[in-house]
Amino acid sequence: MAKALKTAKDNNKKKYKNLKKEAIAAHKRSTVIVGTIVVGCLGSWPHDNDNLLSQPNLSNVTKKNLTKMCIISNVKYSATT
């Protein structure tokens, strides 16, 4: 993974650390997974994202669509800023 993407992922993990604690406290009977999906400005997709999406019980079609939506949204945002 490129250094910039790894830095972004690490920063997001720190940022959302407390959110996971709050979610666990609020939903004691559930399994809570808080993960970070990082997408490069030109749509690069690190394999860590696939690992994260394999954890919840999502269909392959849903995973594929979510991946496309993340990439398209990020490329569109990068092109307009």
PDB file of N, CA and C in Angstrom:
ATOM      1  N   MET A   1       0.853  -1.172   0.000  1.00  0.00           N
ATOM      2  CA  MET A   1       0.000   0.000   0.000  1.00  0.00           C
ATOM      3  C   MET A   1       0.900   1.235   0.000  1.00  0.00           C
ATOM      4  N   ALA A   2       0.522   2.216  -0.783  1.00  0.00           N
ATOM      5  CA  ALA A   2       1.304   3.454  -0.864  1.00  0.00           C
ATOM      6  C   ALA A   2       1.336   4.139   0.506  1.00  0.00           C
ATOM      7  N   LYS A   3       2.399   4.865   0.744  1.00  0.00           N
ATOM      8  CA  LYS A   3       2.599   5.502   2.050  1.00  0.00           C
ATOM      9  C   LYS A   3       1.453   6.458   2.403  1.00  0.00           C
ATOM     10  N   ALA A   4       0.999   7.230   1.428  1.00  0.00           N
ATOM     11  CA  ALA A   4      -0.085   8.191   1.691  1.00  0.00           C
ATOM     12  C   ALA A   4      -1.381   7.482   2.086  1.00  0.00           C
ATOM     13  N   LEU A   5      -1.675   6.356   1.425  1.00  0.00           N
ATOM     14  CA  LEU A   5      -2.887   5.615   1.761  1.00  0.00           C
ATOM     15  C   LEU A   5      -2.766   4.981   3.148  1.00  0.00           C
ATOM     16  N   LYS A   6      -1.581   4.481   3.470  1.00  0.00           N
ATOM     17  CA  LYS A   6      -1.367   3.889   4.791  1.00  0.00           C
ATOM     18  C   LYS A   6      -1.503   4.946   5.878  1.00  0.00           C
ATOM     19  N   THR A   7      -0.958   6.136   5.633  1.00  0.00           N
ATOM     20  CA  THR A   7      -1.074   7.231   6.596  1.00  0.00           C
ATOM     21  C   THR A   7      -2.537   7.609   6.803  1.00  0.00           C
ATOM     22  N   ALA A   8      -3.291   7.697   5.704  1.00  0.00           N
ATOM     23  CA  ALA A   8      -4.723   8.026   5.795  1.00  0.00           C
ATOM     24  C   ALA A   8      -5.465   6.962   6.601  1.00  0.00           C
ATOM     25  N   LYS A   9      -5.148   5.704   6.349  1.00  0.00           N
ATOM     26  CA  LYS A   9      -5.806   4.604   7.067  1.00  0.00           C
ATOM     27  C   LYS A   9      -5.476   4.668   8.560  1.00  0.00           C
ATOM     28  N   ASP A  10      -4.210   4.895   8.892  1.00  0.00           N
ATOM     29  CA  ASP A  10      -3.795   4.986  10.295  1.00  0.00           C
ATOM     30  C   ASP A  10      -4.467   6.165  10.999  1.00  0.00           C
ATOM     31  N   ASN A  11      -4.536   7.305  10.318  1.00  0.00           N
ATOM     32  CA  ASN A  11      -5.196   8.483  10.905  1.00  0.00           C
ATOM     33  C   ASN A  11      -6.674   8.216  11.153  1.00  0.00           C
ATOM     34  N   ASN A  12      -7.334   7.539  10.225  1.00  0.00           N
ATOM     35  CA  ASN A  12      -8.756   7.238  10.401  1.00  0.00           C
ATOM     36  C   ASN A  12      -8.976   6.250  11.536  1.00  0.00           C
ATOM     37  N   LYS A  13      -8.078   5.284  11.700  1.00  0.00           N
ATOM     38  CA  LYS A  13      -8.204   4.330  12.816  1.00  0.00           C
ATOM     39  C   LYS A  13      -8.180   5.080  14.144  1.00  0.00           C
ATOM     40  N   LYS A  14      -7.265   6.032  14.276  1.00  0.00           N
ATOM     41  CA  LYS A  14      -7.183   6.834  15.507  1.00  0.00           C
ATOM     42  C   LYS A  14      -8.447   7.659  15.686  1.00  0.00           C
ATOM     43  N   LYS A  15      -8.898   8.259  14.590  1.00  0.00           N
ATOM     44  CA  LYS A  15     -10.058   9.148  14.630  1.00  0.00           C
ATOM     45  C   LYS A  15     -11.323   8.418  15.100  1.00  0.00           C
ATOM     46  N   TYR A  16     -11.499   7.173  14.651  1.00  0.00           N
ATOM     47  CA  TYR A  16     -12.729   6.447  14.938  1.00  0.00           C
ATOM     48  C   TYR A  16     -12.599   5.446  16.076  1.00  0.00           C
ATOM     49  N   LYS A  17     -11.485   5.476  16.810  1.00  0.00           N
ATOM     50  CA  LYS A  17     -11.265   4.555  17.920  1.00  0.00           C
ATOM     51  C   LYS A  17     -12.364   4.694  18.982  1.00  0.00           C
ATOM     52  N   ASN A  18     -12.704   5.933  19.334  1.00  0.00           N
ATOM     53  CA  ASN A  18     -13.744   6.166  20.347  1.00  0.00           C
ATOM     54  C   ASN A  18     -15.123   5.758  19.849  1.00  0.00           C
ATOM     55  N   LEU A  19     -15.361   5.900  18.552  1.00  0.00           N
ATOM     56  CA  LEU A  19     -16.647   5.497  17.984  1.00  0.00           C
ATOM     57  C   LEU A  19     -16.888   4.010  18.214  1.00  0.00           C
ATOM     58  N   LYS A  20     -15.846   3.207  18.052  1.00  0.00           N
ATOM     59  CA  LYS A  20     -15.984   1.769  18.275  1.00  0.00           C
ATOM     60  C   LYS A  20     -16.353   1.481  19.727  1.00  0.00           C
ATOM     61  N   LYS A  21     -15.702   2.162  20.662  1.00  0.00           N
ATOM     62  CA  LYS A  21     -16.012   1.978  22.083  1.00  0.00           C
ATOM     63  C   LYS A  21     -17.468   2.326  22.376  1.00  0.00           C
ATOM     64  N   GLU A  22     -17.934   3.428  21.798  1.00  0.00           N
ATOM     65  CA  GLU A  22     -19.324   3.855  22.002  1.00  0.00           C
ATOM     66  C   GLU A  22     -20.299   2.846  21.402  1.00  0.00           C
ATOM     67  N   ALA A  23     -19.983   2.345  20.221  1.00  0.00           N
ATOM     68  CA  ALA A  23     -20.866   1.378  19.568  1.00  0.00           C
ATOM     69  C   ALA A  23     -20.930   0.070  20.351  1.00  0.00           C
ATOM     70  N   ILE A  24     -19.807  -0.376  20.876  1.00  0.00           N
ATOM     71  CA  ILE A  24     -19.781  -1.599  21.688  1.00  0.00           C
ATOM     72  C   ILE A  24     -20.621  -1.407  22.944  1.00  0.00           C
ATOM     73  N   ALA A  25     -20.489  -0.243  23.587  1.00  0.00           N
ATOM     74  CA  ALA A  25     -21.266   0.032  24.799  1.00  0.00           C
ATOM     75  C   ALA A  25     -22.762   0.097  24.503  1.00  0.00           C
ATOM     76  N   ALA A  26     -23.127   0.646  23.358  1.00  0.00           N
ATOM     77  CA  ALA A  26     -24.541   0.803  23.005  1.00  0.00           C
ATOM     78  C   ALA A  26     -25.174  -0.483  22.484  1.00  0.00           C
ATOM     79  N   HIS A  27     -24.370  -1.373  21.938  1.00  0.00           N
ATOM     80  CA  HIS A  27     -24.896  -2.595  21.320  1.00  0.00           C
ATOM     81  C   HIS A  27     -24.165  -3.811  21.884  1.00  0.00           C
ATOM     82  N   LYS A  28     -24.376  -4.064  23.152  1.00  0.00           N
ATOM     83  CA  LYS A  28     -23.633  -5.101  23.868  1.00  0.00           C
ATOM     84  C   LYS A  28     -23.817  -6.505  23.302  1.00  0.00           C
ATOM     85  N   ARG A  29     -24.942  -6.778  22.697  1.00  0.00           N
ATOM     86  CA  ARG A  29     -25.200  -8.123  22.171  1.00  0.00           C
ATOM     87  C   ARG A  29     -24.710  -8.309  20.735  1.00  0.00           C
ATOM     88  N   SER A  30     -24.198  -7.266  20.142  1.00  0.00           N
ATOM     89  CA  SER A  30     -23.771  -7.324  18.744  1.00  0.00           C
ATOM     90  C   SER A  30     -22.253  -7.340  18.643  1.00  0.00           C
ATOM     91  N   THR A  31     -21.790  -7.836  17.512  1.00  0.00           N
ATOM     92  CA  THR A  31     -20.373  -7.737  17.191  1.00  0.00           C
ATOM     93  C   THR A  31     -20.172  -6.438  16.444  1.00  0.00           C
ATOM     94  N   VAL A  32     -19.262  -5.619  16.909  1.00  0.00           N
ATOM     95  CA  VAL A  32     -19.027  -4.310  16.306  1.00  0.00           C
ATOM     96  C   VAL A  32     -17.700  -4.330  15.567  1.00  0.00           C
ATOM     97  N   ILE A  33     -17.744  -3.944  14.308  1.00  0.00           N
ATOM     98  CA  ILE A  33     -16.539  -3.820  13.497  1.00  0.00           C
ATOM     99  C   ILE A  33     -16.498  -2.393  12.972  1.00  0.00           C
ATOM    100  N   VAL A  34     -15.443  -1.695  13.273  1.00  0.00           N
ATOM    101  CA  VAL A  34     -15.245  -0.353  12.726  1.00  0.00           C
ATOM    102  C   VAL A  34     -13.989  -0.429  11.876  1.00  0.00           C
ATOM    103  N   GLY A  35     -14.139  -0.136  10.612  1.00  0.00           N
ATOM    104  CA  GLY A  35     -13.012  -0.227   9.707  1.00  0.00           C
ATOM    105  C   GLY A  35     -12.900   1.015   8.850  1.00  0.00           C
ATOM    106  N   THR A  36     -11.804   1.098   8.166  1.00  0.00           N
ATOM    107  CA  THR A  36     -11.534   2.249   7.320  1.00  0.00           C
ATOM    108  C   THR A  36     -11.367   1.795   5.880  1.00  0.00           C
ATOM    109  N   ILE A  37     -12.138   2.379   4.992  1.00  0.00           N
ATOM    110  CA  ILE A  37     -11.966   2.143   3.566  1.00  0.00           C
ATOM    111  C   ILE A  37     -11.228   3.351   3.012  1.00  0.00           C
ATOM    112  N   VAL A  38     -10.070   3.091   2.445  1.00  0.00           N
ATOM    113  CA  VAL A  38      -9.241   4.153   1.885  1.00  0.00           C
ATOM    114  C   VAL A  38      -9.190   3.964   0.377  1.00  0.00           C
ATOM    115  N   VAL A  39      -9.453   5.051  -0.357  1.00  0.00           N
ATOM    116  CA  VAL A  39      -9.415   5.008  -1.819  1.00  0.00           C
ATOM    117  C   VAL A  39      -8.501   6.124  -2.295  1.00  0.00           C
ATOM    118  N   GLY A  40      -7.594   5.807  -3.207  1.00  0.00           N
ATOM    119  CA  GLY A  40      -6.695   6.806  -3.761  1.00  0.00           C
ATOM    120  C   GLY A  40      -7.440   7.790  -4.638  1.00  0.00           C
ATOM    121  N   CYS A  41      -6.871   8.959  -4.856  1.00  0.00           N
ATOM    122  CA  CYS A  41      -7.558  10.015  -5.616  1.00  0.00           C
ATOM    123  C   CYS A  41      -7.836   9.607  -7.065  1.00  0.00           C
ATOM    124  N   LEU A  42      -7.059   8.685  -7.608  1.00  0.00           N
ATOM    125  CA  LEU A  42      -7.314   8.203  -8.968  1.00  0.00           C
ATOM    126  C   LEU A  42      -8.055   6.866  -8.972  1.00  0.00           C
ATOM    127  N   GLY A  43      -8.596   6.498  -7.815  1.00  0.00           N
ATOM    128  CA  GLY A  43      -9.404   5.294  -7.726  1.00  0.00           C
ATOM    129  C   GLY A  43      -8.654   4.043  -7.323  1.00  0.00           C
ATOM    130  N   SER A  44      -7.403   4.180  -6.858  1.00  0.00           N
ATOM    131  CA  SER A  44      -6.688   2.973  -6.425  1.00  0.00           C
ATOM    132  C   SER A  44      -7.405   2.367  -5.219  1.00  0.00           C
ATOM    133  N   TRP A  45      -7.419   1.047  -5.163  1.00  0.00           N
ATOM    134  CA  TRP A  45      -8.179   0.303  -4.162  1.00  0.00           C
ATOM    135  C   TRP A  45      -7.256  -0.697  -3.472  1.00  0.00           C
ATOM    136  N   PRO A  46      -6.757  -0.378  -2.273  1.00  0.00           N
ATOM    137  CA  PRO A  46      -5.874  -1.310  -1.567  1.00  0.00           C
ATOM    138  C   PRO A  46      -6.592  -2.608  -1.191  1.00  0.00           C
ATOM    139  N   HIS A  47      -5.862  -3.696  -1.161  1.00  0.00           N
ATOM    140  CA  HIS A  47      -6.458  -4.997  -0.826  1.00  0.00           C
ATOM    141  C   HIS A  47      -6.999  -5.048   0.596  1.00  0.00           C
ATOM    142  N   ASP A  48      -6.511  -4.175   1.473  1.00  0.00           N
ATOM    143  CA  ASP A  48      -7.051  -4.119   2.838  1.00  0.00           C
ATOM    144  C   ASP A  48      -8.544  -3.813   2.834  1.00  0.00           C
ATOM    145  N   ASN A  49      -8.996  -3.045   1.839  1.00  0.00           N
ATOM    146  CA  ASN A  49     -10.429  -2.739   1.734  1.00  0.00           C
ATOM    147  C   ASN A  49     -11.234  -4.014   1.505  1.00  0.00           C
ATOM    148  N   ASP A  50     -10.727  -4.896   0.652  1.00  0.00           N
ATOM    149  CA  ASP A  50     -11.427  -6.161   0.389  1.00  0.00           C
ATOM    150  C   ASP A  50     -11.491  -7.015   1.643  1.00  0.00           C
ATOM    151  N   ASN A  51     -10.411  -7.008   2.415  1.00  0.00           N
ATOM    152  CA  ASN A  51     -10.399  -7.766   3.671  1.00  0.00           C
ATOM    153  C   ASN A  51     -11.470  -7.251   4.621  1.00  0.00           C
ATOM    154  N   LEU A  52     -11.619  -5.936   4.698  1.00  0.00           N
ATOM    155  CA  LEU A  52     -12.632  -5.344   5.567  1.00  0.00           C
ATOM    156  C   LEU A  52     -14.033  -5.710   5.097  1.00  0.00           C
ATOM    157  N   LEU A  53     -14.261  -5.639   3.790  1.00  0.00           N
ATOM    158  CA  LEU A  53     -15.599  -5.933   3.258  1.00  0.00           C
ATOM    159  C   LEU A  53     -15.948  -7.409   3.343  1.00  0.00           C
ATOM    160  N   SER A  54     -14.970  -8.269   3.560  1.00  0.00           N
ATOM    161  CA  SER A  54     -15.268  -9.699   3.672  1.00  0.00           C
ATOM    162  C   SER A  54     -15.761 -10.061   5.068  1.00  0.00           C
ATOM    163  N   GLN A  55     -15.600  -9.168   6.044  1.00  0.00           N
ATOM    164  CA  GLN A  55     -16.003  -9.475   7.416  1.00  0.00           C
ATOM    165  C   GLN A  55     -17.510  -9.481   7.624  1.00  0.00           C
ATOM    166  N   PRO A  56     -18.241  -8.443   7.216  1.00  0.00           N
ATOM    167  CA  PRO A  56     -19.698  -8.523   7.386  1.00  0.00           C
ATOM    168  C   PRO A  56     -20.294  -9.481   6.357  1.00  0.00           C
ATOM    169  N   ASN A  57     -21.497  -9.906   6.603  1.00  0.00           N
ATOM    170  CA  ASN A  57     -22.158 -10.864   5.716  1.00  0.00           C
ATOM    171  C   ASN A  57     -22.828 -10.131   4.553  1.00  0.00           C
ATOM    172  N   LEU A  58     -22.009  -9.687   3.595  1.00  0.00           N
ATOM    173  CA  LEU A  58     -22.513  -8.975   2.421  1.00  0.00           C
ATOM    174  C   LEU A  58     -22.454  -9.889   1.208  1.00  0.00           C
ATOM    175  N   SER A  59     -23.409  -9.737   0.313  1.00  0.00           N
ATOM    176  CA  SER A  59     -23.369 -10.517  -0.923  1.00  0.00           C
ATOM    177  C   SER A  59     -22.245  -9.988  -1.815  1.00  0.00           C
ATOM    178  N   ASN A  60     -21.812 -10.809  -2.743  1.00  0.00           N
ATOM    179  CA  ASN A  60     -20.757 -10.391  -3.671  1.00  0.00           C
ATOM    180  C   ASN A  60     -21.191  -9.191  -4.508  1.00  0.00           C
ATOM    181  N   VAL A  61     -22.471  -9.158  -4.876  1.00  0.00           N
ATOM    182  CA  VAL A  61     -22.990  -8.031  -5.665  1.00  0.00           C
ATOM    183  C   VAL A  61     -22.932  -6.747  -4.835  1.00  0.00           C
ATOM    184  N   THR A  62     -23.299  -6.829  -3.563  1.00  0.00           N
ATOM    185  CA  THR A  62     -23.256  -5.664  -2.692  1.00  0.00           C
ATOM    186  C   THR A  62     -21.822  -5.176  -2.515  1.00  0.00           C
ATOM    187  N   LYS A  63     -20.883  -6.099  -2.309  1.00  0.00           N
ATOM    188  CA  LYS A  63     -19.466  -5.723  -2.174  1.00  0.00           C
ATOM    189  C   LYS A  63     -18.960  -5.030  -3.432  1.00  0.00           C
ATOM    190  N   LYS A  64     -19.325  -5.588  -4.584  1.00  0.00           N
ATOM    191  CA  LYS A  64     -18.884  -5.016  -5.866  1.00  0.00           C
ATOM    192  C   LYS A  64     -19.466  -3.615  -6.055  1.00  0.00           C
ATOM    193  N   ASN A  65     -20.750  -3.449  -5.754  1.00  0.00           N
ATOM    194  CA  ASN A  65     -21.400  -2.142  -5.902  1.00  0.00           C
ATOM    195  C   ASN A  65     -20.840  -1.117  -4.923  1.00  0.00           C
ATOM    196  N   LEU A  66     -20.578  -1.544  -3.697  1.00  0.00           N
ATOM    197  CA  LEU A  66     -20.003  -0.644  -2.707  1.00  0.00           C
ATOM    198  C   LEU A  66     -18.615  -0.183  -3.144  1.00  0.00           C
ATOM    199  N   THR A  67     -17.827  -1.116  -3.667  1.00  0.00           N
ATOM    200  CA  THR A  67     -16.500  -0.782  -4.175  1.00  0.00           C
ATOM    201  C   THR A  67     -16.594   0.254  -5.289  1.00  0.00           C
ATOM    202  N   LYS A  68     -17.472   0.017  -6.249  1.00  0.00           N
ATOM    203  CA  LYS A  68     -17.647   0.951  -7.367  1.00  0.00           C
ATOM    204  C   LYS A  68     -18.083   2.326  -6.880  1.00  0.00           C
ATOM    205  N   MET A  69     -19.043   2.360  -5.947  1.00  0.00           N
ATOM    206  CA  MET A  69     -19.545   3.642  -5.448  1.00  0.00           C
ATOM    207  C   MET A  69     -18.446   4.427  -4.731  1.00  0.00           C
ATOM    208  N   CYS A  70     -17.623   3.735  -3.940  1.00  0.00           N
ATOM    209  CA  CYS A  70     -16.523   4.411  -3.239  1.00  0.00           C
ATOM    210  C   CYS A  70     -15.525   4.991  -4.226  1.00  0.00           C
ATOM    211  N   ILE A  71     -15.160   4.205  -5.226  1.00  0.00           N
ATOM    212  CA  ILE A  71     -14.170   4.659  -6.211  1.00  0.00           C
ATOM    213  C   ILE A  71     -14.720   5.823  -7.035  1.00  0.00           C
ATOM    214  N   ILE A  72     -15.933   5.680  -7.539  1.00  0.00           N
ATOM    215  CA  ILE A  72     -16.535   6.740  -8.361  1.00  0.00           C
ATOM    216  C   ILE A  72     -16.670   8.033  -7.554  1.00  0.00           C
ATOM    217  N   SER A  73     -17.142   7.927  -6.332  1.00  0.00           N
ATOM    218  CA  SER A  73     -17.315   9.104  -5.491  1.00  0.00           C
ATOM    219  C   SER A  73     -15.985   9.799  -5.236  1.00  0.00           C
ATOM    220  N   ASN A  74     -14.962   9.019  -4.947  1.00  0.00           N
ATOM    221  CA  ASN A  74     -13.657   9.608  -4.649  1.00  0.00           C
ATOM    222  C   ASN A  74     -13.031  10.258  -5.882  1.00  0.00           C
ATOM    223  N   VAL A  75     -13.116   9.605  -7.025  1.00  0.00           N
ATOM    224  CA  VAL A  75     -12.552  10.175  -8.254  1.00  0.00           C
ATOM    225  C   VAL A  75     -13.300  11.452  -8.626  1.00  0.00           C
ATOM    226  N   LYS A  76     -14.631  11.438  -8.475  1.00  0.00           N
ATOM    227  CA  LYS A  76     -15.438  12.623  -8.779  1.00  0.00           C
ATOM    228  C   LYS A  76     -15.049  13.787  -7.864  1.00  0.00           C
ATOM    229  N   TYR A  77     -14.902  13.496  -6.568  1.00  0.00           N
ATOM    230  CA  TYR A  77     -14.515  14.534  -5.610  1.00  0.00           C
ATOM    231  C   TYR A  77     -13.124  15.078  -5.939  1.00  0.00           C
ATOM    232  N   SER A  78     -12.197  14.192  -6.246  1.00  0.00           N
ATOM    233  CA  SER A  78     -10.821  14.607  -6.562  1.00  0.00           C
ATOM    234  C   SER A  78     -10.773  15.475  -7.811  1.00  0.00           C
ATOM    235  N   ALA A  79     -11.645  15.188  -8.758  1.00  0.00           N
ATOM    236  CA  ALA A  79     -11.651  15.944 -10.021  1.00  0.00           C
ATOM    237  C   ALA A  79     -12.239  17.340  -9.854  1.00  0.00           C
ATOM    238  N   THR A  80     -13.075  17.550  -8.837  1.00  0.00           N
ATOM    239  CA  THR A  80     -13.756  18.830  -8.677  1.00  0.00           C
ATOM    240  C   THR A  80     -13.124  19.716  -7.622  1.00  0.00           C
ATOM    241  N   THR A  81     -12.089  19.215  -6.928  1.00  0.00           N
ATOM    242  CA  THR A  81     -11.465  20.060  -5.885  1.00  0.00           C
ATOM    243  C   THR A  81     -10.060  20.422  -6.264  1.00  0.00           C
TER     244      THR A  81
END
